[in-house]
């Protein structure tokens, strides 16, 4: 089965990010295909490389990045939601005249078309968060 995941909540305000990550991990562990994880609304905050949680806390951006590296998981951050929250990749930072970027490894910024495509291509699109 081919799954897509939509994450709408940030990594430290809500359990949705942790649950989405655990679900994604289970999908891969069971041998299913994880087509794409799309981060929207406050969910884009999962993709920042500048978050520094306390030493004893989970590092959710790093977990997603590790999944992307190990499994080739497509981690897409909504461009409009990301810009509103100050999350930029190198190309977008340059285009906006900013002097740096803060997107975590394995994540990429794109538009809502990527979410629509996931909905079309996948057998199931599972939503985490409001």
C-alpha atoms as a PDB file:
ATOM      1  CA  UNK A   1       0.000   0.000   0.000  1.00  0.00           C
ATOM      2  CA  UNK A   2       1.183   3.528  -0.785  1.00  0.00           C
ATOM      3  CA  UNK A   3       0.811   6.113   1.996  1.00  0.00           C
ATOM      4  CA  UNK A   4       1.043   9.873   2.132  1.00  0.00           C
ATOM      5  CA  UNK A   5       1.163  11.819   5.380  1.00  0.00           C
ATOM      6  CA  UNK A   6       0.051  15.371   6.145  1.00  0.00           C
ATOM      7  CA  UNK A   7       1.460  16.966   9.326  1.00  0.00           C
ATOM      8  CA  UNK A   8      -0.322  20.162  10.441  1.00  0.00           C
ATOM      9  CA  UNK A   9       1.186  20.722  13.903  1.00  0.00           C
ATOM     10  CA  UNK A  10       4.586  21.835  15.136  1.00  0.00           C
ATOM     11  CA  UNK A  11       6.970  19.435  16.842  1.00  0.00           C
ATOM     12  CA  UNK A  12       6.633  20.757  20.399  1.00  0.00           C
ATOM     13  CA  UNK A  13       3.084  22.127  20.655  1.00  0.00           C
ATOM     14  CA  UNK A  14       1.188  18.931  19.951  1.00  0.00           C
ATOM     15  CA  UNK A  15       1.688  15.165  19.844  1.00  0.00           C
ATOM     16  CA  UNK A  16       0.775  15.076  16.130  1.00  0.00           C
ATOM     17  CA  UNK A  17       4.394  15.303  14.943  1.00  0.00           C
ATOM     18  CA  UNK A  18       5.539  12.435  17.128  1.00  0.00           C
ATOM     19  CA  UNK A  19       2.546  10.320  16.130  1.00  0.00           C
ATOM     20  CA  UNK A  20       3.099  11.083  12.441  1.00  0.00           C
ATOM     21  CA  UNK A  21       6.758  10.103  12.736  1.00  0.00           C
ATOM     22  CA  UNK A  22       5.899   6.850  14.524  1.00  0.00           C
ATOM     23  CA  UNK A  23       3.240   6.089  11.905  1.00  0.00           C
ATOM     24  CA  UNK A  24       5.699   6.794   9.066  1.00  0.00           C
ATOM     25  CA  UNK A  25       8.254   4.533  10.712  1.00  0.00           C
ATOM     26  CA  UNK A  26       5.665   1.745  11.039  1.00  0.00           C
ATOM     27  CA  UNK A  27       4.673   2.152   7.368  1.00  0.00           C
ATOM     28  CA  UNK A  28       8.285   1.672   6.310  1.00  0.00           C
ATOM     29  CA  UNK A  29       8.931  -1.141   8.807  1.00  0.00           C
ATOM     30  CA  UNK A  30       5.931  -3.068   7.436  1.00  0.00           C
ATOM     31  CA  UNK A  31       7.255  -2.767   3.885  1.00  0.00           C
ATOM     32  CA  UNK A  32       4.704  -0.288   2.588  1.00  0.00           C
ATOM     33  CA  UNK A  33       5.625   2.683   0.432  1.00  0.00           C
ATOM     34  CA  UNK A  34       5.761   6.129   2.005  1.00  0.00           C
ATOM     35  CA  UNK A  35       5.215   8.383  -0.999  1.00  0.00           C
ATOM     36  CA  UNK A  36       5.527  11.754   0.725  1.00  0.00           C
ATOM     37  CA  UNK A  37       5.240  13.573   4.044  1.00  0.00           C
ATOM     38  CA  UNK A  38       3.805  17.060   3.579  1.00  0.00           C
ATOM     39  CA  UNK A  39       4.196  19.641   6.357  1.00  0.00           C
ATOM     40  CA  UNK A  40       1.573  22.386   6.446  1.00  0.00           C
ATOM     41  CA  UNK A  41       0.480  25.187   8.810  1.00  0.00           C
ATOM     42  CA  UNK A  42       2.590  24.989  12.020  1.00  0.00           C
ATOM     43  CA  UNK A  43       3.764  21.574  10.840  1.00  0.00           C
ATOM     44  CA  UNK A  44       6.422  23.329   8.764  1.00  0.00           C
ATOM     45  CA  UNK A  45       8.298  23.935  12.031  1.00  0.00           C
ATOM     46  CA  UNK A  46       9.262  20.249  11.940  1.00  0.00           C
ATOM     47  CA  UNK A  47      11.662  21.205   9.162  1.00  0.00           C
ATOM     48  CA  UNK A  48      13.865  23.782  10.879  1.00  0.00           C
ATOM     49  CA  UNK A  49      17.477  22.938  11.551  1.00  0.00           C
ATOM     50  CA  UNK A  50      17.725  25.690  14.176  1.00  0.00           C
ATOM     51  CA  UNK A  51      15.510  24.101  16.835  1.00  0.00           C
ATOM     52  CA  UNK A  52      17.546  23.244  19.927  1.00  0.00           C
ATOM     53  CA  UNK A  53      15.374  21.191  22.269  1.00  0.00           C
ATOM     54  CA  UNK A  54      16.635  20.356  25.762  1.00  0.00           C
ATOM     55  CA  UNK A  55      19.203  17.570  25.897  1.00  0.00           C
ATOM     56  CA  UNK A  56      16.721  15.050  27.319  1.00  0.00           C
ATOM     57  CA  UNK A  57      13.975  15.875  24.780  1.00  0.00           C
ATOM     58  CA  UNK A  58      13.400  14.218  21.413  1.00  0.00           C
ATOM     59  CA  UNK A  59      14.850  15.912  18.363  1.00  0.00           C
ATOM     60  CA  UNK A  60      12.012  15.465  15.888  1.00  0.00           C
ATOM     61  CA  UNK A  61      13.606  17.350  12.959  1.00  0.00           C
ATOM     62  CA  UNK A  62      16.656  15.102  13.222  1.00  0.00           C
ATOM     63  CA  UNK A  63      14.435  12.002  13.283  1.00  0.00           C
ATOM     64  CA  UNK A  64      12.670  13.101  10.103  1.00  0.00           C
ATOM     65  CA  UNK A  65      16.025  13.944   8.484  1.00  0.00           C
ATOM     66  CA  UNK A  66      17.399  10.520   9.380  1.00  0.00           C
ATOM     67  CA  UNK A  67      14.316   8.880   7.862  1.00  0.00           C
ATOM     68  CA  UNK A  68      14.779  10.878   4.654  1.00  0.00           C
ATOM     69  CA  UNK A  69      18.421   9.831   4.441  1.00  0.00           C
ATOM     70  CA  UNK A  70      17.821   6.164   5.252  1.00  0.00           C
ATOM     71  CA  UNK A  71      14.710   5.616   3.139  1.00  0.00           C
ATOM     72  CA  UNK A  72      14.670   8.437   0.601  1.00  0.00           C
ATOM     73  CA  UNK A  73      11.489   9.788   2.184  1.00  0.00           C
ATOM     74  CA  UNK A  74      10.189  12.888   0.416  1.00  0.00           C
ATOM     75  CA  UNK A  75       9.731  15.540   3.127  1.00  0.00           C
ATOM     76  CA  UNK A  76       7.950  18.557   1.654  1.00  0.00           C
ATOM     77  CA  UNK A  77       7.360  21.820   3.500  1.00  0.00           C
ATOM     78  CA  UNK A  78       4.609  24.138   2.217  1.00  0.00           C
ATOM     79  CA  UNK A  79       6.256  27.275   0.856  1.00  0.00           C
ATOM     80  CA  UNK A  80       3.539  29.732   1.929  1.00  0.00           C
ATOM     81  CA  UNK A  81       3.314  28.351   5.473  1.00  0.00           C
ATOM     82  CA  UNK A  82       7.112  28.220   5.699  1.00  0.00           C
ATOM     83  CA  UNK A  83       7.608  31.824   4.588  1.00  0.00           C
ATOM     84  CA  UNK A  84       5.063  33.048   7.141  1.00  0.00           C
ATOM     85  CA  UNK A  85       7.059  31.318   9.857  1.00  0.00           C
ATOM     86  CA  UNK A  86      10.524  32.311   8.661  1.00  0.00           C
ATOM     87  CA  UNK A  87      11.560  28.911   7.315  1.00  0.00           C
ATOM     88  CA  UNK A  88      13.621  29.221   4.123  1.00  0.00           C
ATOM     89  CA  UNK A  89      15.796  26.966   2.015  1.00  0.00           C
ATOM     90  CA  UNK A  90      18.876  28.332   0.246  1.00  0.00           C
ATOM     91  CA  UNK A  91      17.082  29.236  -2.985  1.00  0.00           C
ATOM     92  CA  UNK A  92      14.148  30.912  -1.274  1.00  0.00           C
ATOM     93  CA  UNK A  93      16.438  32.846   1.086  1.00  0.00           C
ATOM     94  CA  UNK A  94      18.349  34.206  -1.888  1.00  0.00           C
ATOM     95  CA  UNK A  95      15.125  35.048  -3.754  1.00  0.00           C
ATOM     96  CA  UNK A  96      13.783  36.905  -0.697  1.00  0.00           C
ATOM     97  CA  UNK A  97      17.058  38.757  -0.046  1.00  0.00           C
ATOM     98  CA  UNK A  98      17.762  36.982   3.239  1.00  0.00           C
ATOM     99  CA  UNK A  99      21.273  36.138   4.389  1.00  0.00           C
ATOM    100  CA  UNK A 100      20.753  32.532   5.436  1.00  0.00           C
ATOM    101  CA  UNK A 101      18.551  29.493   5.381  1.00  0.00           C
ATOM    102  CA  UNK A 102      17.296  27.233   8.117  1.00  0.00           C
ATOM    103  CA  UNK A 103      15.773  24.153   6.521  1.00  0.00           C
ATOM    104  CA  UNK A 104      16.861  20.821   7.955  1.00  0.00           C
ATOM    105  CA  UNK A 105      18.610  18.218   5.799  1.00  0.00           C
ATOM    106  CA  UNK A 106      16.236  16.020   3.847  1.00  0.00           C
ATOM    107  CA  UNK A 107      13.427  18.580   3.749  1.00  0.00           C
ATOM    108  CA  UNK A 108      12.498  20.596   0.691  1.00  0.00           C
ATOM    109  CA  UNK A 109      10.158  23.529   0.150  1.00  0.00           C
ATOM    110  CA  UNK A 110       7.417  23.326  -2.457  1.00  0.00           C
ATOM    111  CA  UNK A 111       3.782  24.225  -3.037  1.00  0.00           C
ATOM    112  CA  UNK A 112       0.385  22.758  -2.254  1.00  0.00           C
ATOM    113  CA  UNK A 113       0.457  20.945  -5.578  1.00  0.00           C
ATOM    114  CA  UNK A 114       2.729  18.405  -3.884  1.00  0.00           C
ATOM    115  CA  UNK A 115      -0.016  17.698  -1.331  1.00  0.00           C
ATOM    116  CA  UNK A 116      -2.627  17.319  -4.075  1.00  0.00           C
ATOM    117  CA  UNK A 117      -0.332  14.985  -5.989  1.00  0.00           C
ATOM    118  CA  UNK A 118       0.177  12.855  -2.875  1.00  0.00           C
ATOM    119  CA  UNK A 119      -3.591  12.625  -2.445  1.00  0.00           C
ATOM    120  CA  UNK A 120      -3.941  11.418  -6.034  1.00  0.00           C
ATOM    121  CA  UNK A 121      -0.982   9.017  -6.047  1.00  0.00           C
ATOM    122  CA  UNK A 122      -1.487   7.386  -2.649  1.00  0.00           C
ATOM    123  CA  UNK A 123      -3.902   4.719  -1.510  1.00  0.00           C
ATOM    124  CA  UNK A 124      -4.223   6.553   1.805  1.00  0.00           C
ATOM    125  CA  UNK A 125      -3.437  10.110   2.873  1.00  0.00           C
ATOM    126  CA  UNK A 126      -3.270  10.187   6.669  1.00  0.00           C
ATOM    127  CA  UNK A 127      -3.618  13.556   8.432  1.00  0.00           C
ATOM    128  CA  UNK A 128      -2.035  14.380  11.799  1.00  0.00           C
ATOM    129  CA  UNK A 129      -3.164  17.527  13.620  1.00  0.00           C
ATOM    130  CA  UNK A 130      -5.988  19.947  12.951  1.00  0.00           C
END
